[in-house]
Amino acid sequence: MTTPAPSSQPASADIISRSFSMEGNARILEHQNKEAEIRGFTIKCAEREPMGDNSAPSPLAYFASSILF
């Protein structure tokens, strides 16, 4: 996470600013499988049958669980 340098000007209560960046690499594999590497972790996802092989959670499952966290 990137935090701006402190300013000598008084802070306004109406302005809140924060920035965040993250880099990763993603690959599309066979049978609708995907793999991403981010911050030293490997994340795999797959689609359910018949489009995929159901070997990992679906992208929607990751999205839904991230909201729950």
PDB file of N, CA and C in Angstrom:
ATOM      1  N   MET A   1       0.843  -1.158   0.000  1.00  0.00           N
ATOM      2  CA  MET A   1       0.000   0.000   0.000  1.00  0.00           C
ATOM      3  C   MET A   1       0.894   1.227   0.000  1.00  0.00           C
ATOM      4  N   THR A   2       0.500   2.220  -0.763  1.00  0.00           N
ATOM      5  CA  THR A   2       1.260   3.458  -0.866  1.00  0.00           C
ATOM      6  C   THR A   2       0.553   4.548  -0.080  1.00  0.00           C
ATOM      7  N   THR A   3       1.290   5.201   0.791  1.00  0.00           N
ATOM      8  CA  THR A   3       0.736   6.282   1.601  1.00  0.00           C
ATOM      9  C   THR A   3       1.431   7.578   1.214  1.00  0.00           C
ATOM     10  N   PRO A   4       0.663   8.648   0.956  1.00  0.00           N
ATOM     11  CA  PRO A   4       1.294   9.914   0.580  1.00  0.00           C
ATOM     12  C   PRO A   4       2.138  10.477   1.720  1.00  0.00           C
ATOM     13  N   ALA A   5       3.137  11.262   1.356  1.00  0.00           N
ATOM     14  CA  ALA A   5       4.008  11.900   2.345  1.00  0.00           C
ATOM     15  C   ALA A   5       3.211  12.925   3.143  1.00  0.00           C
ATOM     16  N   PRO A   6       3.571  13.119   4.409  1.00  0.00           N
ATOM     17  CA  PRO A   6       2.869  14.116   5.224  1.00  0.00           C
ATOM     18  C   PRO A   6       2.992  15.509   4.614  1.00  0.00           C
ATOM     19  N   SER A   7       1.947  16.292   4.747  1.00  0.00           N
ATOM     20  CA  SER A   7       1.919  17.646   4.201  1.00  0.00           C
ATOM     21  C   SER A   7       1.971  18.649   5.339  1.00  0.00           C
ATOM     22  N   SER A   8       2.563  19.815   5.058  1.00  0.00           N
ATOM     23  CA  SER A   8       2.618  20.874   6.067  1.00  0.00           C
ATOM     24  C   SER A   8       1.309  21.655   6.131  1.00  0.00           C
ATOM     25  N   GLN A   9       0.424  21.450   5.131  1.00  0.00           N
ATOM     26  CA  GLN A   9      -0.862  22.143   5.110  1.00  0.00           C
ATOM     27  C   GLN A   9      -1.868  21.373   5.963  1.00  0.00           C
ATOM     28  N   PRO A  10      -2.812  22.097   6.579  1.00  0.00           N
ATOM     29  CA  PRO A  10      -3.816  21.409   7.396  1.00  0.00           C
ATOM     30  C   PRO A  10      -4.682  20.483   6.538  1.00  0.00           C
ATOM     31  N   ALA A  11      -5.026  19.359   7.101  1.00  0.00           N
ATOM     32  CA  ALA A  11      -5.850  18.381   6.386  1.00  0.00           C
ATOM     33  C   ALA A  11      -7.308  18.806   6.415  1.00  0.00           C
ATOM     34  N   SER A  12      -7.982  18.625   5.311  1.00  0.00           N
ATOM     35  CA  SER A  12      -9.402  18.927   5.235  1.00  0.00           C
ATOM     36  C   SER A  12     -10.185  17.686   5.648  1.00  0.00           C
ATOM     37  N   ALA A  13     -11.202  17.863   6.443  1.00  0.00           N
ATOM     38  CA  ALA A  13     -12.019  16.736   6.884  1.00  0.00           C
ATOM     39  C   ALA A  13     -12.858  16.170   5.744  1.00  0.00           C
ATOM     40  N   ASP A  14     -13.000  16.943   4.649  1.00  0.00           N
ATOM     41  CA  ASP A  14     -13.820  16.504   3.524  1.00  0.00           C
ATOM     42  C   ASP A  14     -13.054  15.656   2.510  1.00  0.00           C
ATOM     43  N   ILE A  15     -11.732  15.638   2.577  1.00  0.00           N
ATOM     44  CA  ILE A  15     -10.937  14.941   1.570  1.00  0.00           C
ATOM     45  C   ILE A  15     -10.245  13.742   2.204  1.00  0.00           C
ATOM     46  N   ILE A  16     -10.556  12.581   1.687  1.00  0.00           N
ATOM     47  CA  ILE A  16      -9.893  11.352   2.112  1.00  0.00           C
ATOM     48  C   ILE A  16      -9.311  10.715   0.865  1.00  0.00           C
ATOM     49  N   SER A  17      -8.044  10.418   0.896  1.00  0.00           N
ATOM     50  CA  SER A  17      -7.396   9.833  -0.276  1.00  0.00           C
ATOM     51  C   SER A  17      -6.508   8.680   0.155  1.00  0.00           C
ATOM     52  N   ARG A  18      -6.590   7.594  -0.583  1.00  0.00           N
ATOM     53  CA  ARG A  18      -5.750   6.442  -0.308  1.00  0.00           C
ATOM     54  C   ARG A  18      -5.542   5.710  -1.622  1.00  0.00           C
ATOM     55  N   SER A  19      -4.351   5.233  -1.852  1.00  0.00           N
ATOM     56  CA  SER A  19      -4.105   4.465  -3.073  1.00  0.00           C
ATOM     57  C   SER A  19      -3.538   3.096  -2.711  1.00  0.00           C
ATOM     58  N   PHE A  20      -3.718   2.160  -3.610  1.00  0.00           N
ATOM     59  CA  PHE A  20      -3.313   0.782  -3.373  1.00  0.00           C
ATOM     60  C   PHE A  20      -2.947   0.171  -4.713  1.00  0.00           C
ATOM     61  N   SER A  21      -1.852  -0.545  -4.768  1.00  0.00           N
ATOM     62  CA  SER A  21      -1.501  -1.236  -6.011  1.00  0.00           C
ATOM     63  C   SER A  21      -0.922  -2.605  -5.685  1.00  0.00           C
ATOM     64  N   MET A  22      -1.131  -3.526  -6.603  1.00  0.00           N
ATOM     65  CA  MET A  22      -0.641  -4.884  -6.443  1.00  0.00           C
ATOM     66  C   MET A  22      -0.359  -5.430  -7.834  1.00  0.00           C
ATOM     67  N   GLU A  23       0.732  -6.150  -7.979  1.00  0.00           N
ATOM     68  CA  GLU A  23       1.066  -6.741  -9.269  1.00  0.00           C
ATOM     69  C   GLU A  23       0.965  -8.253  -9.183  1.00  0.00           C
ATOM     70  N   GLY A  24       0.599  -8.858 -10.297  1.00  0.00           N
ATOM     71  CA  GLY A  24       0.509 -10.309 -10.366  1.00  0.00           C
ATOM     72  C   GLY A  24       0.568 -10.772 -11.804  1.00  0.00           C
ATOM     73  N   ASN A  25       0.703 -12.054 -11.988  1.00  0.00           N
ATOM     74  CA  ASN A  25       0.710 -12.672 -13.316  1.00  0.00           C
ATOM     75  C   ASN A  25      -0.361 -13.747 -13.347  1.00  0.00           C
ATOM     76  N   ALA A  26      -1.083 -13.831 -14.452  1.00  0.00           N
ATOM     77  CA  ALA A  26      -2.135 -14.841 -14.601  1.00  0.00           C
ATOM     78  C   ALA A  26      -1.936 -15.584 -15.912  1.00  0.00           C
ATOM     79  N   ARG A  27      -2.275 -16.870 -15.888  1.00  0.00           N
ATOM     80  CA  ARG A  27      -2.170 -17.704 -17.090  1.00  0.00           C
ATOM     81  C   ARG A  27      -3.476 -18.454 -17.290  1.00  0.00           C
ATOM     82  N   ILE A  28      -3.850 -18.613 -18.538  1.00  0.00           N
ATOM     83  CA  ILE A  28      -5.000 -19.438 -18.897  1.00  0.00           C
ATOM     84  C   ILE A  28      -4.463 -20.813 -19.259  1.00  0.00           C
ATOM     85  N   LEU A  29      -4.962 -21.835 -18.584  1.00  0.00           N
ATOM     86  CA  LEU A  29      -4.542 -23.208 -18.823  1.00  0.00           C
ATOM     87  C   LEU A  29      -5.631 -23.940 -19.598  1.00  0.00           C
ATOM     88  N   GLU A  30      -5.495 -25.220 -19.777  1.00  0.00           N
ATOM     89  CA  GLU A  30      -6.506 -25.981 -20.518  1.00  0.00           C
ATOM     90  C   GLU A  30      -7.731 -26.274 -19.654  1.00  0.00           C
ATOM     91  N   HIS A  31      -8.840 -26.597 -20.285  1.00  0.00           N
ATOM     92  CA  HIS A  31     -10.114 -26.958 -19.629  1.00  0.00           C
ATOM     93  C   HIS A  31     -10.642 -25.847 -18.716  1.00  0.00           C
ATOM     94  N   GLN A  32     -10.524 -24.597 -19.146  1.00  0.00           N
ATOM     95  CA  GLN A  32     -11.025 -23.435 -18.395  1.00  0.00           C
ATOM     96  C   GLN A  32     -10.356 -23.270 -17.027  1.00  0.00           C
ATOM     97  N   ASN A  33      -9.153 -23.781 -16.859  1.00  0.00           N
ATOM     98  CA  ASN A  33      -8.391 -23.578 -15.627  1.00  0.00           C
ATOM     99  C   ASN A  33      -7.540 -22.324 -15.773  1.00  0.00           C
ATOM    100  N   LYS A  34      -7.400 -21.605 -14.679  1.00  0.00           N
ATOM    101  CA  LYS A  34      -6.560 -20.410 -14.642  1.00  0.00           C
ATOM    102  C   LYS A  34      -5.649 -20.488 -13.430  1.00  0.00           C
ATOM    103  N   GLU A  35      -4.522 -19.786 -13.513  1.00  0.00           N
ATOM    104  CA  GLU A  35      -3.560 -19.775 -12.418  1.00  0.00           C
ATOM    105  C   GLU A  35      -2.976 -18.375 -12.319  1.00  0.00           C
ATOM    106  N   ALA A  36      -2.921 -17.836 -11.122  1.00  0.00           N
ATOM    107  CA  ALA A  36      -2.354 -16.507 -10.901  1.00  0.00           C
ATOM    108  C   ALA A  36      -1.287 -16.593  -9.819  1.00  0.00           C
ATOM    109  N   GLU A  37      -0.240 -15.821  -9.998  1.00  0.00           N
ATOM    110  CA  GLU A  37       0.800 -15.695  -8.980  1.00  0.00           C
ATOM    111  C   GLU A  37       0.793 -14.255  -8.499  1.00  0.00           C
ATOM    112  N   ILE A  38       0.625 -14.103  -7.182  1.00  0.00           N
ATOM    113  CA  ILE A  38       0.550 -12.763  -6.615  1.00  0.00           C
ATOM    114  C   ILE A  38       1.122 -12.781  -5.198  1.00  0.00           C
ATOM    115  N   ARG A  39       2.044 -11.886  -4.930  1.00  0.00           N
ATOM    116  CA  ARG A  39       2.683 -11.749  -3.616  1.00  0.00           C
ATOM    117  C   ARG A  39       3.233 -13.072  -3.089  1.00  0.00           C
ATOM    118  N   GLY A  40       3.802 -13.893  -3.965  1.00  0.00           N
ATOM    119  CA  GLY A  40       4.410 -15.153  -3.543  1.00  0.00           C
ATOM    120  C   GLY A  40       3.443 -16.310  -3.411  1.00  0.00           C
ATOM    121  N   PHE A  41       2.182 -16.098  -3.701  1.00  0.00           N
ATOM    122  CA  PHE A  41       1.168 -17.147  -3.625  1.00  0.00           C
ATOM    123  C   PHE A  41       0.701 -17.525  -5.020  1.00  0.00           C
ATOM    124  N   THR A  42       0.313 -18.781  -5.187  1.00  0.00           N
ATOM    125  CA  THR A  42      -0.277 -19.244  -6.437  1.00  0.00           C
ATOM    126  C   THR A  42      -1.744 -19.537  -6.178  1.00  0.00           C
ATOM    127  N   ILE A  43      -2.605 -18.930  -6.963  1.00  0.00           N
ATOM    128  CA  ILE A  43      -4.051 -19.109  -6.839  1.00  0.00           C
ATOM    129  C   ILE A  43      -4.540 -19.802  -8.095  1.00  0.00           C
ATOM    130  N   LYS A  44      -5.296 -20.869  -7.918  1.00  0.00           N
ATOM    131  CA  LYS A  44      -5.842 -21.600  -9.062  1.00  0.00           C
ATOM    132  C   LYS A  44      -7.360 -21.516  -9.032  1.00  0.00           C
ATOM    133  N   CYS A  45      -7.965 -21.434 -10.199  1.00  0.00           N
ATOM    134  CA  CYS A  45      -9.416 -21.478 -10.293  1.00  0.00           C
ATOM    135  C   CYS A  45      -9.803 -22.279 -11.524  1.00  0.00           C
ATOM    136  N   ALA A  46     -11.005 -22.809 -11.497  1.00  0.00           N
ATOM    137  CA  ALA A  46     -11.514 -23.630 -12.599  1.00  0.00           C
ATOM    138  C   ALA A  46     -13.022 -23.445 -12.678  1.00  0.00           C
ATOM    139  N   GLU A  47     -13.562 -23.773 -13.811  1.00  0.00           N
ATOM    140  CA  GLU A  47     -15.013 -23.758 -13.980  1.00  0.00           C
ATOM    141  C   GLU A  47     -15.569 -25.141 -13.675  1.00  0.00           C
ATOM    142  N   ARG A  48     -16.832 -25.169 -13.308  1.00  0.00           N
ATOM    143  CA  ARG A  48     -17.495 -26.451 -13.052  1.00  0.00           C
ATOM    144  C   ARG A  48     -17.778 -27.161 -14.361  1.00  0.00           C
ATOM    145  N   GLU A  49     -18.028 -28.446 -14.270  1.00  0.00           N
ATOM    146  CA  GLU A  49     -18.374 -29.235 -15.455  1.00  0.00           C
ATOM    147  C   GLU A  49     -19.705 -28.740 -16.004  1.00  0.00           C
ATOM    148  N   PRO A  50     -19.960 -28.753 -17.281  1.00  0.00           N
ATOM    149  CA  PRO A  50     -19.204 -29.409 -18.344  1.00  0.00           C
ATOM    150  C   PRO A  50     -18.141 -28.521 -18.982  1.00  0.00           C
ATOM    151  N   MET A  51     -18.099 -27.206 -18.658  1.00  0.00           N
ATOM    152  CA  MET A  51     -17.111 -26.329 -19.299  1.00  0.00           C
ATOM    153  C   MET A  51     -15.699 -26.589 -18.784  1.00  0.00           C
ATOM    154  N   GLY A  52     -15.562 -26.867 -17.509  1.00  0.00           N
ATOM    155  CA  GLY A  52     -14.251 -27.090 -16.905  1.00  0.00           C
ATOM    156  C   GLY A  52     -14.187 -28.448 -16.243  1.00  0.00           C
ATOM    157  N   ASP A  53     -13.133 -28.641 -15.442  1.00  0.00           N
ATOM    158  CA  ASP A  53     -12.974 -29.940 -14.784  1.00  0.00           C
ATOM    159  C   ASP A  53     -13.236 -29.886 -13.280  1.00  0.00           C
ATOM    160  N   ASN A  54     -13.684 -28.733 -12.761  1.00  0.00           N
ATOM    161  CA  ASN A  54     -14.063 -28.585 -11.356  1.00  0.00           C
ATOM    162  C   ASN A  54     -12.913 -28.953 -10.408  1.00  0.00           C
ATOM    163  N   SER A  55     -11.671 -28.650 -10.810  1.00  0.00           N
ATOM    164  CA  SER A  55     -10.507 -29.025 -10.006  1.00  0.00           C
ATOM    165  C   SER A  55     -10.103 -27.953  -8.983  1.00  0.00           C
ATOM    166  N   ALA A  56     -10.758 -26.800  -9.015  1.00  0.00           N
ATOM    167  CA  ALA A  56     -10.460 -25.704  -8.089  1.00  0.00           C
ATOM    168  C   ALA A  56     -11.716 -24.843  -7.977  1.00  0.00           C
ATOM    169  N   PRO A  57     -11.775 -23.948  -6.992  1.00  0.00           N
ATOM    170  CA  PRO A  57     -12.934 -23.059  -6.894  1.00  0.00           C
ATOM    171  C   PRO A  57     -13.085 -22.201  -8.150  1.00  0.00           C
ATOM    172  N   SER A  58     -14.306 -21.809  -8.433  1.00  0.00           N
ATOM    173  CA  SER A  58     -14.568 -20.950  -9.593  1.00  0.00           C
ATOM    174  C   SER A  58     -14.166 -19.511  -9.265  1.00  0.00           C
ATOM    175  N   PRO A  59     -13.963 -18.668 -10.275  1.00  0.00           N
ATOM    176  CA  PRO A  59     -13.660 -17.261 -10.002  1.00  0.00           C
ATOM    177  C   PRO A  59     -14.744 -16.593  -9.149  1.00  0.00           C
ATOM    178  N   LEU A  60     -16.003 -16.941  -9.390  1.00  0.00           N
ATOM    179  CA  LEU A  60     -17.088 -16.361  -8.603  1.00  0.00           C
ATOM    180  C   LEU A  60     -17.004 -16.789  -7.136  1.00  0.00           C
ATOM    181  N   ALA A  61     -16.554 -18.005  -6.871  1.00  0.00           N
ATOM    182  CA  ALA A  61     -16.394 -18.469  -5.487  1.00  0.00           C
ATOM    183  C   ALA A  61     -15.321 -17.653  -4.765  1.00  0.00           C
ATOM    184  N   TYR A  62     -14.219 -17.349  -5.456  1.00  0.00           N
ATOM    185  CA  TYR A  62     -13.182 -16.496  -4.854  1.00  0.00           C
ATOM    186  C   TYR A  62     -13.731 -15.100  -4.582  1.00  0.00           C
ATOM    187  N   PHE A  63     -14.468 -14.552  -5.533  1.00  0.00           N
ATOM    188  CA  PHE A  63     -15.038 -13.218  -5.364  1.00  0.00           C
ATOM    189  C   PHE A  63     -15.998 -13.189  -4.174  1.00  0.00           C
ATOM    190  N   ALA A  64     -16.894 -14.166  -4.097  1.00  0.00           N
ATOM    191  CA  ALA A  64     -17.870 -14.211  -3.000  1.00  0.00           C
ATOM    192  C   ALA A  64     -17.169 -14.371  -1.652  1.00  0.00           C
ATOM    193  N   SER A  65     -16.164 -15.225  -1.578  1.00  0.00           N
ATOM    194  CA  SER A  65     -15.478 -15.418  -0.303  1.00  0.00           C
ATOM    195  C   SER A  65     -14.671 -14.182   0.092  1.00  0.00           C
ATOM    196  N   SER A  66     -14.170 -13.418  -0.877  1.00  0.00           N
ATOM    197  CA  SER A  66     -13.436 -12.198  -0.530  1.00  0.00           C
ATOM    198  C   SER A  66     -14.354 -11.170   0.117  1.00  0.00           C
ATOM    199  N   ILE A  67     -15.604 -11.148  -0.283  1.00  0.00           N
ATOM    200  CA  ILE A  67     -16.572 -10.250   0.350  1.00  0.00           C
ATOM    201  C   ILE A  67     -16.854 -10.710   1.777  1.00  0.00           C
ATOM    202  N   LEU A  68     -16.928 -12.017   1.989  1.00  0.00           N
ATOM    203  CA  LEU A  68     -17.194 -12.552   3.323  1.00  0.00           C
ATOM    204  C   LEU A  68     -16.047 -12.290   4.294  1.00  0.00           C
ATOM    205  N   PHE A  69     -14.813 -12.231   3.780  1.00  0.00           N
ATOM    206  CA  PHE A  69     -13.666 -11.986   4.657  1.00  0.00           C
ATOM    207  C   PHE A  69     -13.700 -10.564   5.161  1.00  0.00           C
TER     208      PHE A  69
END
